[in-house]
C-alpha cells in the first residue's frame, strides 16, 4: 500500500507543520518592526518634502496593518494544526482501544 492509499493523519508532520507556521508568524512581527523603522527613517529624511513624508507614513501604516493581520492568521493556522494533530492522536488512541476489544472477543 503506497502513501497515497493511506488513511489517517501523520500527527508528527502536523505537529511539525504547526510549529513551523507559528515560528513564521513570529518572523512577521520582526519584518513589521523593521519595515516601520525603515519607513520612519525615510520619512525623517524627506522632512522637506511633506507629501513624500506623509505618503511614506501612510504606506507604512497600511503595510504594517496587513503584516499584523497576516501574523494573526498565520499564528491561528499554526495553533489549529497543532490542535488538529492532538485531536487526531486522541482519535487514533480511542479507535485503537475500541478495536482492541473487538479483536479480543
PDB file of N, CA and C in Angstrom:
ATOM      1  N   UNK A   1       0.848  -1.181   0.000  1.00  0.00           N
ATOM      2  CA  UNK A   1       0.000   0.000   0.000  1.00  0.00           C
ATOM      3  C   UNK A   1       0.888   1.235   0.000  1.00  0.00           C
ATOM      4  N   UNK A   2       0.706   2.128  -0.965  1.00  0.00           N
ATOM      5  CA  UNK A   2       1.501   3.344  -1.064  1.00  0.00           C
ATOM      6  C   UNK A   2       0.988   4.441  -0.163  1.00  0.00           C
ATOM      7  N   UNK A   3       1.775   5.482  -0.021  1.00  0.00           N
ATOM      8  CA  UNK A   3       1.400   6.597   0.859  1.00  0.00           C
ATOM      9  C   UNK A   3       0.091   7.244   0.419  1.00  0.00           C
ATOM     10  N   UNK A   4      -0.170   7.257  -0.886  1.00  0.00           N
ATOM     11  CA  UNK A   4      -1.405   7.882  -1.365  1.00  0.00           C
ATOM     12  C   UNK A   4      -2.650   7.062  -1.006  1.00  0.00           C
ATOM     13  N   UNK A   5      -2.445   5.791  -0.612  1.00  0.00           N
ATOM     14  CA  UNK A   5      -3.573   4.928  -0.255  1.00  0.00           C
ATOM     15  C   UNK A   5      -3.861   4.926   1.245  1.00  0.00           C
ATOM     16  N   UNK A   6      -3.002   5.561   2.020  1.00  0.00           N
ATOM     17  CA  UNK A   6      -3.146   5.502   3.470  1.00  0.00           C
ATOM     18  C   UNK A   6      -4.284   6.387   3.954  1.00  0.00           C
ATOM     19  N   UNK A   7      -4.834   5.979   5.079  1.00  0.00           N
ATOM     20  CA  UNK A   7      -5.914   6.731   5.715  1.00  0.00           C
ATOM     21  C   UNK A   7      -5.395   7.213   7.051  1.00  0.00           C
ATOM     22  N   UNK A   8      -5.742   8.411   7.414  1.00  0.00           N
ATOM     23  CA  UNK A   8      -5.349   8.911   8.718  1.00  0.00           C
ATOM     24  C   UNK A   8      -4.511  10.168   8.625  1.00  0.00           C
ATOM     25  N   UNK A   9      -4.005  10.569   9.771  1.00  0.00           N
ATOM     26  CA  UNK A   9      -3.245  11.811   9.884  1.00  0.00           C
ATOM     27  C   UNK A   9      -1.851  11.473  10.381  1.00  0.00           C
ATOM     28  N   UNK A  10      -0.859  12.033   9.720  1.00  0.00           N
ATOM     29  CA  UNK A  10       0.517  11.934  10.203  1.00  0.00           C
ATOM     30  C   UNK A  10       0.659  13.007  11.278  1.00  0.00           C
ATOM     31  N   UNK A  11       0.444  12.620  12.523  1.00  0.00           N
ATOM     32  CA  UNK A  11       0.406  13.610  13.608  1.00  0.00           C
ATOM     33  C   UNK A  11       1.756  14.273  13.835  1.00  0.00           C
ATOM     34  N   UNK A  12       2.836  13.549  13.601  1.00  0.00           N
ATOM     35  CA  UNK A  12       4.162  14.149  13.773  1.00  0.00           C
ATOM     36  C   UNK A  12       4.366  15.260  12.735  1.00  0.00           C
ATOM     37  N   UNK A  13       3.963  14.989  11.493  1.00  0.00           N
ATOM     38  CA  UNK A  13       4.096  16.002  10.439  1.00  0.00           C
ATOM     39  C   UNK A  13       3.182  17.191  10.720  1.00  0.00           C
ATOM     40  N   UNK A  14       1.983  16.931  11.220  1.00  0.00           N
ATOM     41  CA  UNK A  14       1.050  18.022  11.538  1.00  0.00           C
ATOM     42  C   UNK A  14       1.605  18.882  12.674  1.00  0.00           C
ATOM     43  N   UNK A  15       2.171  18.239  13.694  1.00  0.00           N
ATOM     44  CA  UNK A  15       2.806  18.989  14.784  1.00  0.00           C
ATOM     45  C   UNK A  15       3.957  19.840  14.259  1.00  0.00           C
ATOM     46  N   UNK A  16       4.787  19.232  13.434  1.00  0.00           N
ATOM     47  CA  UNK A  16       5.945  19.925  12.879  1.00  0.00           C
ATOM     48  C   UNK A  16       5.499  21.120  12.033  1.00  0.00           C
ATOM     49  N   UNK A  17       4.497  20.906  11.187  1.00  0.00           N
ATOM     50  CA  UNK A  17       3.986  21.998  10.341  1.00  0.00           C
ATOM     51  C   UNK A  17       3.394  23.120  11.186  1.00  0.00           C
ATOM     52  N   UNK A  18       2.651  22.749  12.213  1.00  0.00           N
ATOM     53  CA  UNK A  18       2.059  23.760  13.090  1.00  0.00           C
ATOM     54  C   UNK A  18       3.110  24.581  13.805  1.00  0.00           C
ATOM     55  N   UNK A  19       4.153  23.921  14.280  1.00  0.00           N
ATOM     56  CA  UNK A  19       5.237  24.622  14.975  1.00  0.00           C
ATOM     57  C   UNK A  19       5.990  25.538  14.019  1.00  0.00           C
ATOM     58  N   UNK A  20       6.257  25.049  12.795  1.00  0.00           N
ATOM     59  CA  UNK A  20       6.941  25.880  11.803  1.00  0.00           C
ATOM     60  C   UNK A  20       6.094  27.090  11.419  1.00  0.00           C
ATOM     61  N   UNK A  21       4.800  26.901  11.332  1.00  0.00           N
ATOM     62  CA  UNK A  21       3.899  28.003  10.985  1.00  0.00           C
ATOM     63  C   UNK A  21       3.867  29.043  12.096  1.00  0.00           C
ATOM     64  N   UNK A  22       3.856  28.589  13.347  1.00  0.00           N
ATOM     65  CA  UNK A  22       3.882  29.521  14.473  1.00  0.00           C
ATOM     66  C   UNK A  22       5.184  30.323  14.480  1.00  0.00           C
ATOM     67  N   UNK A  23       6.291  29.673  14.145  1.00  0.00           N
ATOM     68  CA  UNK A  23       7.585  30.362  14.052  1.00  0.00           C
ATOM     69  C   UNK A  23       7.548  31.409  12.941  1.00  0.00           C
ATOM     70  N   UNK A  24       6.945  31.058  11.829  1.00  0.00           N
ATOM     71  CA  UNK A  24       6.810  32.001  10.714  1.00  0.00           C
ATOM     72  C   UNK A  24       5.997  33.225  11.149  1.00  0.00           C
ATOM     73  N   UNK A  25       4.953  33.001  11.915  1.00  0.00           N
ATOM     74  CA  UNK A  25       4.131  34.115  12.403  1.00  0.00           C
ATOM     75  C   UNK A  25       4.966  35.077  13.244  1.00  0.00           C
ATOM     76  N   UNK A  26       5.859  34.536  14.061  1.00  0.00           N
ATOM     77  CA  UNK A  26       6.721  35.390  14.878  1.00  0.00           C
ATOM     78  C   UNK A  26       7.660  36.215  14.003  1.00  0.00           C
ATOM     79  N   UNK A  27       8.106  35.638  12.902  1.00  0.00           N
ATOM     80  CA  UNK A  27       9.001  36.373  11.994  1.00  0.00           C
ATOM     81  C   UNK A  27       8.287  37.557  11.359  1.00  0.00           C
ATOM     82  N   UNK A  28       6.990  37.430  11.116  1.00  0.00           N
ATOM     83  CA  UNK A  28       6.242  38.549  10.534  1.00  0.00           C
ATOM     84  C   UNK A  28       6.292  39.762  11.458  1.00  0.00           C
ATOM     85  N   UNK A  29       6.289  39.537  12.753  1.00  0.00           N
ATOM     86  CA  UNK A  29       6.374  40.654  13.697  1.00  0.00           C
ATOM     87  C   UNK A  29       7.706  41.376  13.526  1.00  0.00           C
ATOM     88  N   UNK A  30       8.783  40.624  13.343  1.00  0.00           N
ATOM     89  CA  UNK A  30      10.092  41.222  13.130  1.00  0.00           C
ATOM     90  C   UNK A  30      10.154  42.005  11.829  1.00  0.00           C
ATOM     91  N   UNK A  31       9.558  41.457  10.786  1.00  0.00           N
ATOM     92  CA  UNK A  31       9.529  42.153   9.495  1.00  0.00           C
ATOM     93  C   UNK A  31       8.764  43.462   9.636  1.00  0.00           C
ATOM     94  N   UNK A  32       7.649  43.415  10.343  1.00  0.00           N
ATOM     95  CA  UNK A  32       6.830  44.606  10.541  1.00  0.00           C
ATOM     96  C   UNK A  32       7.606  45.697  11.269  1.00  0.00           C
ATOM     97  N   UNK A  33       8.315  45.316  12.310  1.00  0.00           N
ATOM     98  CA  UNK A  33       9.104  46.281  13.078  1.00  0.00           C
ATOM     99  C   UNK A  33      10.219  46.884  12.222  1.00  0.00           C
ATOM    100  N   UNK A  34      10.913  46.044  11.478  1.00  0.00           N
ATOM    101  CA  UNK A  34      11.987  46.538  10.599  1.00  0.00           C
ATOM    102  C   UNK A  34      11.431  47.479   9.533  1.00  0.00           C
ATOM    103  N   UNK A  35      10.297  47.120   8.971  1.00  0.00           N
ATOM    104  CA  UNK A  35       9.677  47.938   7.937  1.00  0.00           C
ATOM    105  C   UNK A  35       9.299  49.310   8.500  1.00  0.00           C
ATOM    106  N   UNK A  36       8.711  49.306   9.695  1.00  0.00           N
ATOM    107  CA  UNK A  36       8.348  50.573  10.336  1.00  0.00           C
ATOM    108  C   UNK A  36       9.578  51.446  10.558  1.00  0.00           C
ATOM    109  N   UNK A  37      10.646  50.853  11.021  1.00  0.00           N
ATOM    110  CA  UNK A  37      11.879  51.596  11.277  1.00  0.00           C
ATOM    111  C   UNK A  37      12.412  52.224   9.985  1.00  0.00           C
ATOM    112  N   UNK A  38      12.468  51.424   8.931  1.00  0.00           N
ATOM    113  CA  UNK A  38      12.988  51.930   7.655  1.00  0.00           C
ATOM    114  C   UNK A  38      12.114  53.052   7.093  1.00  0.00           C
ATOM    115  N   UNK A  39      10.800  52.892   7.150  1.00  0.00           N
ATOM    116  CA  UNK A  39       9.916  53.933   6.608  1.00  0.00           C
ATOM    117  C   UNK A  39       9.936  55.189   7.472  1.00  0.00           C
ATOM    118  N   UNK A  40      10.133  55.027   8.758  1.00  0.00           N
ATOM    119  CA  UNK A  40      10.258  56.203   9.626  1.00  0.00           C
ATOM    120  C   UNK A  40      11.518  56.985   9.268  1.00  0.00           C
ATOM    121  N   UNK A  41      12.594  56.265   9.005  1.00  0.00           N
ATOM    122  CA  UNK A  41      13.832  56.933   8.606  1.00  0.00           C
ATOM    123  C   UNK A  41      13.672  57.623   7.259  1.00  0.00           C
ATOM    124  N   UNK A  42      12.967  57.004   6.347  1.00  0.00           N
ATOM    125  CA  UNK A  42      12.695  57.629   5.051  1.00  0.00           C
ATOM    126  C   UNK A  42      11.873  58.894   5.239  1.00  0.00           C
ATOM    127  N   UNK A  43      10.876  58.817   6.081  1.00  0.00           N
ATOM    128  CA  UNK A  43      10.032  59.983   6.340  1.00  0.00           C
ATOM    129  C   UNK A  43      10.846  61.125   6.944  1.00  0.00           C
ATOM    130  N   UNK A  44      11.704  60.797   7.907  1.00  0.00           N
ATOM    131  CA  UNK A  44      12.545  61.820   8.532  1.00  0.00           C
ATOM    132  C   UNK A  44      13.505  62.442   7.524  1.00  0.00           C
ATOM    133  N   UNK A  45      14.056  61.614   6.641  1.00  0.00           N
ATOM    134  CA  UNK A  45      14.988  62.119   5.631  1.00  0.00           C
ATOM    135  C   UNK A  45      14.271  62.989   4.603  1.00  0.00           C
ATOM    136  N   UNK A  46      12.964  62.819   4.477  1.00  0.00           N
ATOM    137  CA  UNK A  46      12.182  63.566   3.489  1.00  0.00           C
ATOM    138  C   UNK A  46      11.399  64.700   4.123  1.00  0.00           C
ATOM    139  N   UNK A  47      11.842  65.167   5.278  1.00  0.00           N
ATOM    140  CA  UNK A  47      11.051  66.160   6.009  1.00  0.00           C
ATOM    141  C   UNK A  47      10.818  67.441   5.206  1.00  0.00           C
ATOM    142  N   UNK A  48      11.697  67.762   4.266  1.00  0.00           N
ATOM    143  CA  UNK A  48      11.488  68.955   3.439  1.00  0.00           C
ATOM    144  C   UNK A  48      10.441  68.724   2.360  1.00  0.00           C
ATOM    145  N   UNK A  49      10.133  67.501   2.125  1.00  0.00           N
ATOM    146  CA  UNK A  49       9.127  67.127   1.116  1.00  0.00           C
ATOM    147  C   UNK A  49       7.944  66.481   1.847  1.00  0.00           C
ATOM    148  N   UNK A  50       7.084  67.285   2.412  1.00  0.00           N
ATOM    149  CA  UNK A  50       5.980  66.777   3.231  1.00  0.00           C
ATOM    150  C   UNK A  50       5.095  65.750   2.519  1.00  0.00           C
ATOM    151  N   UNK A  51       4.781  65.924   1.222  1.00  0.00           N
ATOM    152  CA  UNK A  51       3.968  64.891   0.567  1.00  0.00           C
ATOM    153  C   UNK A  51       4.648  63.522   0.589  1.00  0.00           C
ATOM    154  N   UNK A  52       5.978  63.513   0.421  1.00  0.00           N
ATOM    155  CA  UNK A  52       6.719  62.244   0.456  1.00  0.00           C
ATOM    156  C   UNK A  52       6.687  61.669   1.864  1.00  0.00           C
ATOM    157  N   UNK A  53       6.939  62.515   2.850  1.00  0.00           N
ATOM    158  CA  UNK A  53       6.951  62.067   4.237  1.00  0.00           C
ATOM    159  C   UNK A  53       5.584  61.531   4.644  1.00  0.00           C
ATOM    160  N   UNK A  54       4.529  62.264   4.321  1.00  0.00           N
ATOM    161  CA  UNK A  54       3.184  61.823   4.685  1.00  0.00           C
ATOM    162  C   UNK A  54       2.796  60.530   3.959  1.00  0.00           C
ATOM    163  N   UNK A  55       3.160  60.437   2.685  1.00  0.00           N
ATOM    164  CA  UNK A  55       2.847  59.227   1.925  1.00  0.00           C
ATOM    165  C   UNK A  55       3.588  58.025   2.479  1.00  0.00           C
ATOM    166  N   UNK A  56       4.837  58.221   2.865  1.00  0.00           N
ATOM    167  CA  UNK A  56       5.624  57.125   3.434  1.00  0.00           C
ATOM    168  C   UNK A  56       4.982  56.620   4.718  1.00  0.00           C
ATOM    169  N   UNK A  57       4.542  57.546   5.560  1.00  0.00           N
ATOM    170  CA  UNK A  57       3.908  57.143   6.822  1.00  0.00           C
ATOM    171  C   UNK A  57       2.569  56.447   6.581  1.00  0.00           C
ATOM    172  N   UNK A  58       1.790  56.947   5.619  1.00  0.00           N
ATOM    173  CA  UNK A  58       0.511  56.298   5.290  1.00  0.00           C
ATOM    174  C   UNK A  58       0.744  54.889   4.749  1.00  0.00           C
ATOM    175  N   UNK A  59       1.716  54.780   3.842  1.00  0.00           N
ATOM    176  CA  UNK A  59       2.046  53.475   3.259  1.00  0.00           C
ATOM    177  C   UNK A  59       2.515  52.518   4.350  1.00  0.00           C
ATOM    178  N   UNK A  60       3.346  53.020   5.244  1.00  0.00           N
ATOM    179  CA  UNK A  60       3.856  52.214   6.348  1.00  0.00           C
ATOM    180  C   UNK A  60       2.712  51.693   7.216  1.00  0.00           C
ATOM    181  N   UNK A  61       1.790  52.565   7.553  1.00  0.00           N
ATOM    182  CA  UNK A  61       0.656  52.154   8.388  1.00  0.00           C
ATOM    183  C   UNK A  61      -0.161  51.070   7.698  1.00  0.00           C
ATOM    184  N   UNK A  62      -0.355  51.204   6.390  1.00  0.00           N
ATOM    185  CA  UNK A  62      -1.123  50.209   5.642  1.00  0.00           C
ATOM    186  C   UNK A  62      -0.405  48.859   5.623  1.00  0.00           C
ATOM    187  N   UNK A  63       0.880  48.879   5.299  1.00  0.00           N
ATOM    188  CA  UNK A  63       1.639  47.628   5.209  1.00  0.00           C
ATOM    189  C   UNK A  63       1.752  46.968   6.580  1.00  0.00           C
ATOM    190  N   UNK A  64       2.012  47.746   7.603  1.00  0.00           N
ATOM    191  CA  UNK A  64       2.112  47.176   8.955  1.00  0.00           C
ATOM    192  C   UNK A  64       0.774  46.563   9.365  1.00  0.00           C
ATOM    193  N   UNK A  65      -0.318  47.206   9.011  1.00  0.00           N
ATOM    194  CA  UNK A  65      -1.639  46.631   9.296  1.00  0.00           C
ATOM    195  C   UNK A  65      -1.833  45.290   8.597  1.00  0.00           C
ATOM    196  N   UNK A  66      -1.396  45.214   7.328  1.00  0.00           N
ATOM    197  CA  UNK A  66      -1.512  43.963   6.576  1.00  0.00           C
ATOM    198  C   UNK A  66      -0.601  42.882   7.166  1.00  0.00           C
ATOM    199  N   UNK A  67       0.620  43.255   7.539  1.00  0.00           N
ATOM    200  CA  UNK A  67       1.532  42.290   8.150  1.00  0.00           C
ATOM    201  C   UNK A  67       1.015  41.797   9.497  1.00  0.00           C
ATOM    202  N   UNK A  68       0.392  42.691  10.252  1.00  0.00           N
ATOM    203  CA  UNK A  68      -0.177  42.305  11.539  1.00  0.00           C
ATOM    204  C   UNK A  68      -1.313  41.306  11.337  1.00  0.00           C
ATOM    205  N   UNK A  69      -2.157  41.551  10.343  1.00  0.00           N
ATOM    206  CA  UNK A  69      -3.248  40.611  10.037  1.00  0.00           C
ATOM    207  C   UNK A  69      -2.681  39.276   9.567  1.00  0.00           C
ATOM    208  N   UNK A  70      -1.653  39.320   8.728  1.00  0.00           N
ATOM    209  CA  UNK A  70      -1.019  38.096   8.250  1.00  0.00           C
ATOM    210  C   UNK A  70      -0.416  37.316   9.406  1.00  0.00           C
ATOM    211  N   UNK A  71       0.214  38.023  10.327  1.00  0.00           N
ATOM    212  CA  UNK A  71       0.786  37.374  11.509  1.00  0.00           C
ATOM    213  C   UNK A  71      -0.305  36.688  12.319  1.00  0.00           C
ATOM    214  N   UNK A  72      -1.426  37.355  12.521  1.00  0.00           N
ATOM    215  CA  UNK A  72      -2.526  36.769  13.300  1.00  0.00           C
ATOM    216  C   UNK A  72      -3.091  35.528  12.609  1.00  0.00           C
ATOM    217  N   UNK A  73      -3.296  35.610  11.301  1.00  0.00           N
ATOM    218  CA  UNK A  73      -3.835  34.454  10.568  1.00  0.00           C
ATOM    219  C   UNK A  73      -2.858  33.281  10.587  1.00  0.00           C
ATOM    220  N   UNK A  74      -1.578  33.581  10.420  1.00  0.00           N
ATOM    221  CA  UNK A  74      -0.564  32.534  10.409  1.00  0.00           C
ATOM    222  C   UNK A  74      -0.445  31.886  11.782  1.00  0.00           C
ATOM    223  N   UNK A  75      -0.521  32.685  12.815  1.00  0.00           N
ATOM    224  CA  UNK A  75      -0.479  32.158  14.172  1.00  0.00           C
ATOM    225  C   UNK A  75      -1.672  31.241  14.438  1.00  0.00           C
ATOM    226  N   UNK A  76      -2.842  31.664  13.996  1.00  0.00           N
ATOM    227  CA  UNK A  76      -4.049  30.838  14.159  1.00  0.00           C
ATOM    228  C   UNK A  76      -3.909  29.533  13.394  1.00  0.00           C
ATOM    229  N   UNK A  77      -3.352  29.600  12.191  1.00  0.00           N
ATOM    230  CA  UNK A  77      -3.141  28.400  11.388  1.00  0.00           C
ATOM    231  C   UNK A  77      -2.214  27.427  12.104  1.00  0.00           C
ATOM    232  N   UNK A  78      -1.119  27.922  12.656  1.00  0.00           N
ATOM    233  CA  UNK A  78      -0.185  27.069  13.391  1.00  0.00           C
ATOM    234  C   UNK A  78      -0.832  26.429  14.601  1.00  0.00           C
ATOM    235  N   UNK A  79      -1.565  27.222  15.359  1.00  0.00           N
ATOM    236  CA  UNK A  79      -2.256  26.706  16.536  1.00  0.00           C
ATOM    237  C   UNK A  79      -3.277  25.639  16.142  1.00  0.00           C
ATOM    238  N   UNK A  80      -3.996  25.881  15.051  1.00  0.00           N
ATOM    239  CA  UNK A  80      -5.001  24.921  14.587  1.00  0.00           C
ATOM    240  C   UNK A  80      -4.363  23.615  14.128  1.00  0.00           C
ATOM    241  N   UNK A  81      -3.213  23.701  13.468  1.00  0.00           N
ATOM    242  CA  UNK A  81      -2.526  22.490  13.009  1.00  0.00           C
ATOM    243  C   UNK A  81      -2.081  21.638  14.194  1.00  0.00           C
ATOM    244  N   UNK A  82      -1.522  22.278  15.211  1.00  0.00           N
ATOM    245  CA  UNK A  82      -1.081  21.544  16.401  1.00  0.00           C
ATOM    246  C   UNK A  82      -2.290  20.942  17.127  1.00  0.00           C
ATOM    247  N   UNK A  83      -3.375  21.709  17.241  1.00  0.00           N
ATOM    248  CA  UNK A  83      -4.592  21.194  17.893  1.00  0.00           C
ATOM    249  C   UNK A  83      -5.194  20.048  17.087  1.00  0.00           C
ATOM    250  N   UNK A  84      -5.165  20.171  15.752  1.00  0.00           N
ATOM    251  CA  UNK A  84      -5.677  19.094  14.901  1.00  0.00           C
ATOM    252  C   UNK A  84      -4.865  17.824  15.054  1.00  0.00           C
ATOM    253  N   UNK A  85      -3.553  17.962  15.164  1.00  0.00           N
ATOM    254  CA  UNK A  85      -2.698  16.791  15.373  1.00  0.00           C
ATOM    255  C   UNK A  85      -3.019  16.128  16.707  1.00  0.00           C
ATOM    256  N   UNK A  86      -3.231  16.931  17.734  1.00  0.00           N
ATOM    257  CA  UNK A  86      -3.576  16.372  19.048  1.00  0.00           C
ATOM    258  C   UNK A  86      -4.921  15.655  18.999  1.00  0.00           C
ATOM    259  N   UNK A  87      -5.891  16.237  18.315  1.00  0.00           N
ATOM    260  CA  UNK A  87      -7.209  15.603  18.188  1.00  0.00           C
ATOM    261  C   UNK A  87      -7.106  14.289  17.413  1.00  0.00           C
ATOM    262  N   UNK A  88      -6.302  14.277  16.360  1.00  0.00           N
ATOM    263  CA  UNK A  88      -6.119  13.047  15.580  1.00  0.00           C
ATOM    264  C   UNK A  88      -5.433  11.977  16.419  1.00  0.00           C
ATOM    265  N   UNK A  89      -4.463  12.384  17.224  1.00  0.00           N
ATOM    266  CA  UNK A  89      -3.773  11.444  18.109  1.00  0.00           C
ATOM    267  C   UNK A  89      -4.750  10.833  19.103  1.00  0.00           C
ATOM    268  N   UNK A  90      -5.627  11.681  19.674  1.00  0.00           N
ATOM    269  CA  UNK A  90      -6.639  11.174  20.619  1.00  0.00           C
ATOM    270  C   UNK A  90      -7.596  10.214  19.919  1.00  0.00           C
ATOM    271  N   UNK A  91      -8.041  10.601  18.714  1.00  0.00           N
ATOM    272  CA  UNK A  91      -8.968   9.748  17.969  1.00  0.00           C
ATOM    273  C   UNK A  91      -8.328   8.411  17.639  1.00  0.00           C
ATOM    274  N   UNK A  92      -7.064   8.436  17.221  1.00  0.00           N
ATOM    275  CA  UNK A  92      -6.355   7.187  16.929  1.00  0.00           C
ATOM    276  C   UNK A  92      -6.290   6.309  18.177  1.00  0.00           C
ATOM    277  N   UNK A  93      -6.013   6.922  19.312  1.00  0.00           N
ATOM    278  CA  UNK A  93      -5.953   6.167  20.568  1.00  0.00           C
ATOM    279  C   UNK A  93      -7.300   5.565  20.930  1.00  0.00           C
ATOM    280  N   UNK A  94      -8.361   6.346  20.764  1.00  0.00           N
ATOM    281  CA  UNK A  94      -9.705   5.846  21.082  1.00  0.00           C
ATOM    282  C   UNK A  94     -10.121   4.731  20.127  1.00  0.00           C
ATOM    283  N   UNK A  95      -9.807   4.909  18.842  1.00  0.00           N
ATOM    284  CA  UNK A  95     -10.147   3.882  17.858  1.00  0.00           C
ATOM    285  C   UNK A  95      -9.347   2.620  18.149  1.00  0.00           C
ATOM    286  N   UNK A  96      -8.061   2.783  18.449  1.00  0.00           N
ATOM    287  CA  UNK A  96      -7.224   1.630  18.763  1.00  0.00           C
ATOM    288  C   UNK A  96      -7.720   0.884  19.982  1.00  0.00           C
ATOM    289  N   UNK A  97      -8.154   1.611  20.993  1.00  0.00           N
ATOM    290  CA  UNK A  97      -8.687   0.988  22.197  1.00  0.00           C
ATOM    291  C   UNK A  97      -9.969   0.219  21.865  1.00  0.00           C
ATOM    292  N   UNK A  98     -10.806   0.844  21.066  1.00  0.00           N
ATOM    293  CA  UNK A  98     -12.070   0.193  20.677  1.00  0.00           C
ATOM    294  C   UNK A  98     -11.832  -1.054  19.856  1.00  0.00           C
ATOM    295  N   UNK A  99     -10.901  -1.007  18.930  1.00  0.00           N
ATOM    296  CA  UNK A  99     -10.608  -2.164  18.093  1.00  0.00           C
ATOM    297  C   UNK A  99      -9.980  -3.296  18.904  1.00  0.00           C
ATOM    298  N   UNK A 100      -9.216  -2.926  19.928  1.00  0.00           N
ATOM    299  CA  UNK A 100      -8.619  -3.957  20.782  1.00  0.00           C
ATOM    300  C   UNK A 100      -9.678  -4.831  21.419  1.00  0.00           C
ATOM    301  N   UNK A 101     -10.780  -4.218  21.837  1.00  0.00           N
ATOM    302  CA  UNK A 101     -11.853  -5.011  22.461  1.00  0.00           C
ATOM    303  C   UNK A 101     -12.579  -5.870  21.423  1.00  0.00           C
ATOM    304  N   UNK A 102     -12.650  -5.407  20.172  1.00  0.00           N
ATOM    305  CA  UNK A 102     -13.286  -6.184  19.123  1.00  0.00           C
ATOM    306  C   UNK A 102     -12.448  -7.431  18.817  1.00  0.00           C
ATOM    307  N   UNK A 103     -11.132  -7.246  18.694  1.00  0.00           N
ATOM    308  CA  UNK A 103     -10.272  -8.367  18.353  1.00  0.00           C
ATOM    309  C   UNK A 103     -10.088  -9.332  19.527  1.00  0.00           C
ATOM    310  N   UNK A 104     -10.290  -8.855  20.732  1.00  0.00           N
ATOM    311  CA  UNK A 104     -10.153  -9.709  21.909  1.00  0.00           C
ATOM    312  C   UNK A 104     -11.318 -10.686  22.032  1.00  0.00           C
ATOM    313  N   UNK A 105     -12.433 -10.353  21.397  1.00  0.00           N
ATOM    314  CA  UNK A 105     -13.634 -11.185  21.534  1.00  0.00           C
ATOM    315  C   UNK A 105     -13.578 -12.406  20.711  1.00  0.00           C
TER     316      UNK A 105
END
